[in-house]
Amino acid sequence: MKNFVNGSRSSSKYYVDILKERYAKGEITENEYSQMKEKLQ
């Protein structure tokens, strides 16, 4: 399932940026990051 605010694909970039931050902080694992990123694209 893809979640886009107002149907904008550019919004997915925003969500990927959040994922990158969470991964960098150690809040999510590499596997979780990869899975979530794939769902957003």
PDB file of N, CA and C in Angstrom:
ATOM      1  N   MET A   1       0.849  -1.178   0.000  1.00  0.00           N
ATOM      2  CA  MET A   1       0.000   0.000   0.000  1.00  0.00           C
ATOM      3  C   MET A   1       0.885   1.229   0.000  1.00  0.00           C
ATOM      4  N   LYS A   2       0.594   2.148  -0.870  1.00  0.00           N
ATOM      5  CA  LYS A   2       1.378   3.370  -0.955  1.00  0.00           C
ATOM      6  C   LYS A   2       0.612   4.513  -0.315  1.00  0.00           C
ATOM      7  N   ASN A   3       1.289   5.253   0.528  1.00  0.00           N
ATOM      8  CA  ASN A   3       0.668   6.393   1.187  1.00  0.00           C
ATOM      9  C   ASN A   3       1.278   7.672   0.653  1.00  0.00           C
ATOM     10  N   PHE A   4       0.476   8.472  -0.037  1.00  0.00           N
ATOM     11  CA  PHE A   4       0.937   9.737  -0.565  1.00  0.00           C
ATOM     12  C   PHE A   4      -0.030  10.815  -0.110  1.00  0.00           C
ATOM     13  N   VAL A   5       0.494  11.876   0.463  1.00  0.00           N
ATOM     14  CA  VAL A   5      -0.343  12.997   0.867  1.00  0.00           C
ATOM     15  C   VAL A   5      -0.824  13.707  -0.380  1.00  0.00           C
ATOM     16  N   ASN A   6      -2.114  13.894  -0.499  1.00  0.00           N
ATOM     17  CA  ASN A   6      -2.725  14.553  -1.653  1.00  0.00           C
ATOM     18  C   ASN A   6      -2.311  13.913  -2.980  1.00  0.00           C
ATOM     19  N   GLY A   7      -1.956  12.636  -2.970  1.00  0.00           N
ATOM     20  CA  GLY A   7      -1.606  11.932  -4.197  1.00  0.00           C
ATOM     21  C   GLY A   7      -0.275  12.345  -4.788  1.00  0.00           C
ATOM     22  N   SER A   8       0.544  13.049  -4.052  1.00  0.00           N
ATOM     23  CA  SER A   8       1.809  13.566  -4.572  1.00  0.00           C
ATOM     24  C   SER A   8       2.946  12.579  -4.351  1.00  0.00           C
ATOM     25  N   ARG A   9       3.637  12.246  -5.440  1.00  0.00           N
ATOM     26  CA  ARG A   9       4.779  11.349  -5.314  1.00  0.00           C
ATOM     27  C   ARG A   9       5.923  12.037  -4.578  1.00  0.00           C
ATOM     28  N   SER A  10       5.980  13.363  -4.627  1.00  0.00           N
ATOM     29  CA  SER A  10       7.038  14.068  -3.912  1.00  0.00           C
ATOM     30  C   SER A  10       6.893  13.888  -2.403  1.00  0.00           C
ATOM     31  N   SER A  11       5.691  13.607  -1.951  1.00  0.00           N
ATOM     32  CA  SER A  11       5.472  13.357  -0.534  1.00  0.00           C
ATOM     33  C   SER A  11       6.179  12.087  -0.088  1.00  0.00           C
ATOM     34  N   SER A  12       6.319  11.124  -0.996  1.00  0.00           N
ATOM     35  CA  SER A  12       7.017   9.894  -0.628  1.00  0.00           C
ATOM     36  C   SER A  12       8.473  10.192  -0.303  1.00  0.00           C
ATOM     37  N   LYS A  13       9.059  11.199  -0.956  1.00  0.00           N
ATOM     38  CA  LYS A  13      10.431  11.607  -0.642  1.00  0.00           C
ATOM     39  C   LYS A  13      10.504  12.112   0.793  1.00  0.00           C
ATOM     40  N   TYR A  14       9.503  12.842   1.217  1.00  0.00           N
ATOM     41  CA  TYR A  14       9.429  13.332   2.597  1.00  0.00           C
ATOM     42  C   TYR A  14       9.440  12.163   3.576  1.00  0.00           C
ATOM     43  N   TYR A  15       8.645  11.142   3.289  1.00  0.00           N
ATOM     44  CA  TYR A  15       8.577   9.986   4.176  1.00  0.00           C
ATOM     45  C   TYR A  15       9.885   9.203   4.174  1.00  0.00           C
ATOM     46  N   VAL A  16      10.537   9.109   3.032  1.00  0.00           N
ATOM     47  CA  VAL A  16      11.826   8.424   2.954  1.00  0.00           C
ATOM     48  C   VAL A  16      12.865   9.193   3.778  1.00  0.00           C
ATOM     49  N   ASP A  17      12.803  10.511   3.754  1.00  0.00           N
ATOM     50  CA  ASP A  17      13.718  11.320   4.569  1.00  0.00           C
ATOM     51  C   ASP A  17      13.519  11.031   6.056  1.00  0.00           C
ATOM     52  N   ILE A  18      12.274  10.871   6.463  1.00  0.00           N
ATOM     53  CA  ILE A  18      11.979  10.528   7.856  1.00  0.00           C
ATOM     54  C   ILE A  18      12.561   9.153   8.182  1.00  0.00           C
ATOM     55  N   LEU A  19      12.391   8.208   7.262  1.00  0.00           N
ATOM     56  CA  LEU A  19      12.964   6.876   7.471  1.00  0.00           C
ATOM     57  C   LEU A  19      14.474   6.936   7.631  1.00  0.00           C
ATOM     58  N   LYS A  20      15.124   7.734   6.797  1.00  0.00           N
ATOM     59  CA  LYS A  20      16.583   7.883   6.876  1.00  0.00           C
ATOM     60  C   LYS A  20      16.997   8.411   8.244  1.00  0.00           C
ATOM     61  N   GLU A  21      16.265   9.390   8.752  1.00  0.00           N
ATOM     62  CA  GLU A  21      16.556   9.945  10.073  1.00  0.00           C
ATOM     63  C   GLU A  21      16.393   8.885  11.154  1.00  0.00           C
ATOM     64  N   ARG A  22      15.305   8.142  11.093  1.00  0.00           N
ATOM     65  CA  ARG A  22      15.047   7.103  12.104  1.00  0.00           C
ATOM     66  C   ARG A  22      16.109   6.023  12.060  1.00  0.00           C
ATOM     67  N   TYR A  23      16.550   5.656  10.856  1.00  0.00           N
ATOM     68  CA  TYR A  23      17.608   4.658  10.708  1.00  0.00           C
ATOM     69  C   TYR A  23      18.919   5.193  11.274  1.00  0.00           C
ATOM     70  N   ALA A  24      19.233   6.445  10.977  1.00  0.00           N
ATOM     71  CA  ALA A  24      20.471   7.058  11.466  1.00  0.00           C
ATOM     72  C   ALA A  24      20.492   7.155  12.997  1.00  0.00           C
ATOM     73  N   LYS A  25      19.322   7.359  13.589  1.00  0.00           N
ATOM     74  CA  LYS A  25      19.228   7.453  15.047  1.00  0.00           C
ATOM     75  C   LYS A  25      19.215   6.085  15.718  1.00  0.00           C
ATOM     76  N   GLY A  26      19.113   5.026  14.900  1.00  0.00           N
ATOM     77  CA  GLY A  26      19.065   3.676  15.458  1.00  0.00           C
ATOM     78  C   GLY A  26      17.685   3.262  15.926  1.00  0.00           C
ATOM     79  N   GLU A  27      16.669   4.008  15.513  1.00  0.00           N
ATOM     80  CA  GLU A  27      15.295   3.697  15.927  1.00  0.00           C
ATOM     81  C   GLU A  27      14.723   2.511  15.161  1.00  0.00           C
ATOM     82  N   ILE A  28      15.217   2.271  13.953  1.00  0.00           N
ATOM     83  CA  ILE A  28      14.773   1.134  13.155  1.00  0.00           C
ATOM     84  C   ILE A  28      16.001   0.420  12.599  1.00  0.00           C
ATOM     85  N   THR A  29      15.831  -0.861  12.302  1.00  0.00           N
ATOM     86  CA  THR A  29      16.928  -1.657  11.762  1.00  0.00           C
ATOM     87  C   THR A  29      17.046  -1.426  10.258  1.00  0.00           C
ATOM     88  N   GLU A  30      18.147  -1.904   9.688  1.00  0.00           N
ATOM     89  CA  GLU A  30      18.340  -1.793   8.241  1.00  0.00           C
ATOM     90  C   GLU A  30      17.234  -2.531   7.495  1.00  0.00           C
ATOM     91  N   ASN A  31      16.844  -3.681   8.018  1.00  0.00           N
ATOM     92  CA  ASN A  31      15.783  -4.472   7.392  1.00  0.00           C
ATOM     93  C   ASN A  31      14.452  -3.714   7.432  1.00  0.00           C
ATOM     94  N   GLU A  32      14.127  -3.131   8.574  1.00  0.00           N
ATOM     95  CA  GLU A  32      12.892  -2.354   8.690  1.00  0.00           C
ATOM     96  C   GLU A  32      12.922  -1.157   7.739  1.00  0.00           C
ATOM     97  N   TYR A  33      14.070  -0.482   7.674  1.00  0.00           N
ATOM     98  CA  TYR A  33      14.229   0.654   6.780  1.00  0.00           C
ATOM     99  C   TYR A  33      13.958   0.242   5.335  1.00  0.00           C
ATOM    100  N   SER A  34      14.587  -0.848   4.908  1.00  0.00           N
ATOM    101  CA  SER A  34      14.438  -1.317   3.528  1.00  0.00           C
ATOM    102  C   SER A  34      12.992  -1.677   3.208  1.00  0.00           C
ATOM    103  N   GLN A  35      12.344  -2.373   4.128  1.00  0.00           N
ATOM    104  CA  GLN A  35      10.951  -2.781   3.905  1.00  0.00           C
ATOM    105  C   GLN A  35      10.030  -1.577   3.807  1.00  0.00           C
ATOM    106  N   MET A  36      10.194  -0.631   4.704  1.00  0.00           N
ATOM    107  CA  MET A  36       9.322   0.554   4.696  1.00  0.00           C
ATOM    108  C   MET A  36       9.581   1.418   3.466  1.00  0.00           C
ATOM    109  N   LYS A  37      10.837   1.567   3.097  1.00  0.00           N
ATOM    110  CA  LYS A  37      11.179   2.367   1.922  1.00  0.00           C
ATOM    111  C   LYS A  37      10.572   1.762   0.666  1.00  0.00           C
ATOM    112  N   GLU A  38      10.628   0.445   0.554  1.00  0.00           N
ATOM    113  CA  GLU A  38      10.063  -0.246  -0.621  1.00  0.00           C
ATOM    114  C   GLU A  38       8.561  -0.006  -0.720  1.00  0.00           C
ATOM    115  N   LYS A  39       7.877  -0.003   0.411  1.00  0.00           N
ATOM    116  CA  LYS A  39       6.431   0.227   0.412  1.00  0.00           C
ATOM    117  C   LYS A  39       6.081   1.652  -0.019  1.00  0.00           C
ATOM    118  N   LEU A  40       6.968   2.596   0.247  1.00  0.00           N
ATOM    119  CA  LEU A  40       6.699   3.987  -0.092  1.00  0.00           C
ATOM    120  C   LEU A  40       6.970   4.321  -1.558  1.00  0.00           C
ATOM    121  N   GLN A  41       7.772   3.523  -2.217  1.00  0.00           N
ATOM    122  CA  GLN A  41       8.151   3.860  -3.587  1.00  0.00           C
ATOM    123  C   GLN A  41       7.266   3.252  -4.626  1.00  0.00           C
TER     124      GLN A  41
END
